[in-house]
Each structure stands twice: as C-alpha cells, then as structure tokens.
Protein backbone atom coordinates (compact mmCIF):
# COMPACT_ATOMS: atom_id res chain seq x y z
CA UNK A 1 -19.90 -22.72 -0.35
CA UNK A 2 -16.96 -23.70 1.77
CA UNK A 3 -13.82 -22.07 0.33
CA UNK A 4 -12.66 -18.66 -0.78
CA UNK A 5 -12.18 -20.04 -4.31
CA UNK A 6 -15.89 -20.93 -4.45
CA UNK A 7 -16.84 -17.50 -3.13
CA UNK A 8 -14.63 -15.78 -5.74
CA UNK A 9 -16.24 -17.86 -8.51
CA UNK A 10 -19.66 -16.53 -7.50
CA UNK A 11 -18.74 -12.84 -7.64
CA UNK A 12 -17.68 -10.49 -10.45
CA UNK A 13 -14.11 -11.08 -11.61
CA UNK A 14 -13.09 -7.42 -11.77
CA UNK A 15 -10.46 -6.46 -9.20
CA UNK A 16 -9.74 -2.80 -8.63
CA UNK A 17 -6.16 -1.81 -7.86
CA UNK A 18 -4.16 1.38 -7.70
CA UNK A 19 -0.49 2.33 -7.78
CA UNK A 20 1.18 3.64 -4.62
CA UNK A 21 2.19 7.01 -6.04
CA UNK A 22 -1.22 8.24 -7.12
CA UNK A 23 -2.90 10.80 -4.90
CA UNK A 24 -5.41 9.91 -2.22
CA UNK A 25 -7.90 12.11 -4.12
CA UNK A 26 -7.50 9.85 -7.17
CA UNK A 27 -8.04 6.76 -5.03
CA UNK A 28 -11.20 8.22 -3.48
CA UNK A 29 -12.49 9.16 -6.95
CA UNK A 30 -11.88 5.60 -8.14
CA UNK A 31 -13.68 4.13 -5.11
CA UNK A 32 -16.62 6.44 -5.70
CA UNK A 33 -16.72 5.61 -9.42
CA UNK A 34 -16.74 1.84 -8.79
CA UNK A 35 -18.97 1.97 -5.69
CA UNK A 36 -16.37 0.26 -3.51
CA UNK A 37 -14.76 0.99 -0.14
CA UNK A 38 -11.17 -0.09 -0.72
CA UNK A 39 -8.44 -0.45 -3.31
CA UNK A 40 -5.53 -2.82 -3.31
CA UNK A 41 -2.23 -1.02 -3.79
CA UNK A 42 -0.16 -2.90 -6.35
CA UNK A 43 3.11 -2.26 -8.14
CA UNK A 44 4.84 -4.68 -10.52
CA UNK A 45 2.18 -7.29 -9.69
CA UNK A 46 3.16 -7.15 -6.00
CA UNK A 47 0.60 -6.37 -3.30
CA UNK A 48 2.03 -3.45 -1.34
CA UNK A 49 -0.95 -2.51 0.76
CA UNK A 50 -4.59 -1.48 0.87
CA UNK A 51 -6.30 1.88 1.09
CA UNK A 52 -9.83 2.14 2.41
CA UNK A 53 -12.35 4.88 2.86
CA UNK A 54 -11.66 4.52 6.60
CA UNK A 55 -7.96 5.29 5.99
CA UNK A 56 -9.03 8.44 4.19
CA UNK A 57 -11.39 9.49 6.98
CA UNK A 58 -8.91 8.83 9.80
CA UNK A 59 -5.66 9.97 8.20
CA UNK A 60 -6.68 12.74 5.80
CA UNK A 61 -10.18 14.19 6.19
CA UNK A 62 -10.21 14.27 9.99
CA UNK A 63 -6.93 16.19 9.96
CA UNK A 64 -8.06 18.66 7.32
CA UNK A 65 -5.35 17.57 4.86
CA UNK A 66 -5.57 18.00 1.10
CA UNK A 67 -6.11 14.54 -0.45
CA UNK A 68 -4.71 15.76 -3.78
CA UNK A 69 -1.37 16.51 -2.10
CA UNK A 70 -0.92 13.15 -0.38
CA UNK A 71 0.27 9.97 -2.10
CA UNK A 72 -1.52 6.72 -1.41
CA UNK A 73 1.63 5.12 -0.02
CA UNK A 74 1.70 7.74 2.74
CA UNK A 75 -1.54 6.52 4.30
CA UNK A 76 -2.12 2.97 3.03
CA UNK A 77 -2.09 -0.01 5.35
CA UNK A 78 1.12 -1.88 4.57
CA UNK A 79 0.80 -5.02 6.66
CA UNK A 80 -2.03 -6.67 4.80
CA UNK A 81 -3.43 -9.99 5.95
CA UNK A 82 -4.17 -12.25 2.99
CA UNK A 83 -5.72 -15.67 2.50
CA UNK A 84 -5.31 -18.37 -0.12
CA UNK A 85 -8.14 -19.54 -2.36
CA UNK A 86 -8.18 -22.77 -0.34
CA UNK A 87 -8.98 -20.94 2.91
CA UNK A 88 -12.41 -21.56 4.34
CA UNK A 89 -15.07 -18.88 4.47
CA UNK A 90 -15.17 -19.52 8.23
CA UNK A 91 -11.46 -18.65 8.44
CA UNK A 92 -12.15 -15.36 6.63
CA UNK A 93 -14.92 -14.52 9.07
CA UNK A 94 -12.59 -15.19 12.01
CA UNK A 95 -9.74 -13.09 10.53
CA UNK A 96 -12.04 -10.17 9.78
CA UNK A 97 -13.71 -10.29 13.19
CA UNK A 98 -10.45 -10.67 15.11
CA UNK A 99 -8.69 -7.87 13.22
CA UNK A 100 -11.68 -5.55 12.67
CA UNK A 101 -11.17 -5.10 8.95
CA UNK A 102 -13.66 -5.55 6.12
CA UNK A 103 -11.48 -6.51 3.16
CA UNK A 104 -9.32 -9.57 2.71
CA UNK A 105 -7.06 -9.93 -0.35
CA UNK A 106 -6.68 -13.41 -1.80
CA UNK A 107 -3.25 -14.49 -3.07
CA UNK A 108 -2.14 -17.70 -4.79
CA UNK A 109 1.51 -18.48 -5.48
CA UNK A 110 2.46 -14.94 -4.50
CA UNK A 111 0.00 -13.36 -6.95
CA UNK A 112 -3.10 -11.36 -6.14
CA UNK A 113 -6.15 -13.24 -7.44
CA UNK A 114 -9.09 -11.55 -5.75
CA UNK A 115 -10.58 -9.96 -2.69
CA UNK A 116 -13.25 -11.03 -0.25
CA UNK A 117 -15.21 -8.37 1.58
CA UNK A 118 -17.36 -8.48 4.66
CA UNK A 119 -20.29 -7.70 2.34
CA UNK A 120 -19.50 -10.78 0.23
CA UNK A 121 -19.59 -12.96 3.31
CA UNK A 122 -22.79 -11.39 4.65
CA UNK A 123 -24.47 -11.94 1.29
CA UNK A 124 -23.40 -15.59 1.40
CA UNK A 125 -24.77 -15.99 4.92
CA UNK A 126 -28.09 -14.37 3.97
CA UNK A 127 -28.45 -16.70 0.99
CA UNK A 128 -28.27 -19.57 3.44
C-alpha cells in the first residue's frame, strides 16, 4: 500500500463528523459511542476544524469547565492539515510525526473524503 487512497479503500467507509455549534459534551458522547478519538467539524460540506479527546482534556476538563456549556467551535483546532488521496503513506507519517497529531483528514477537490489516523498507519506497518 503506497497511497492514502489505497489505505482508505482498506478501512471502513464511515466518516464521523459534527457541526460546530453542538456542545463539547455531545462531541465526547459521539466519540465514546463510536469508539473514536476525534471528530471532523463540518458545516455546509466544508471542513472547519477537528476536535479530539486531547482538545477536551486540555481545554475543558483540565480547567474544570462544563462541556455541556461550551460549543465545539470554541475549542476545536481550526488550522487543520489535510492530505489528498494521492499522498503517500510515508508523507502522512512525516506530517503526523512533525506536527505531533494523530488524525489527518483527506480532501479531494475541496471535499472531505476520509481520514487517516495514526492507528491506521500502525496497523498497516504491522501487517508488513
């Protein structure tokens, strides 16, 4: 497997997203329900940001804030690095390592088409 497109083909097609105005509590509930660690924040088919369990820990829980009273767009990461389906898996590894993040949205022609996680890449490496 050389490209992101090939990696996306090998994984489940379901992509979990959330709107920016929902509460952080709703986002955390959704992550828990789907056994995932991040949600892409989308509105009108546009990628606005990403919210992760780390965002919740650092920006809400550690400060003793009420997650039900905070909107996702108040704590989400707005400057999201993305890759195209033609990007190499090696390029994804480098981006994730250099930027210390674990989730990489995939966009084609300005549209969100998937997400690659550090876990996806580790599973690929372990499969040899």
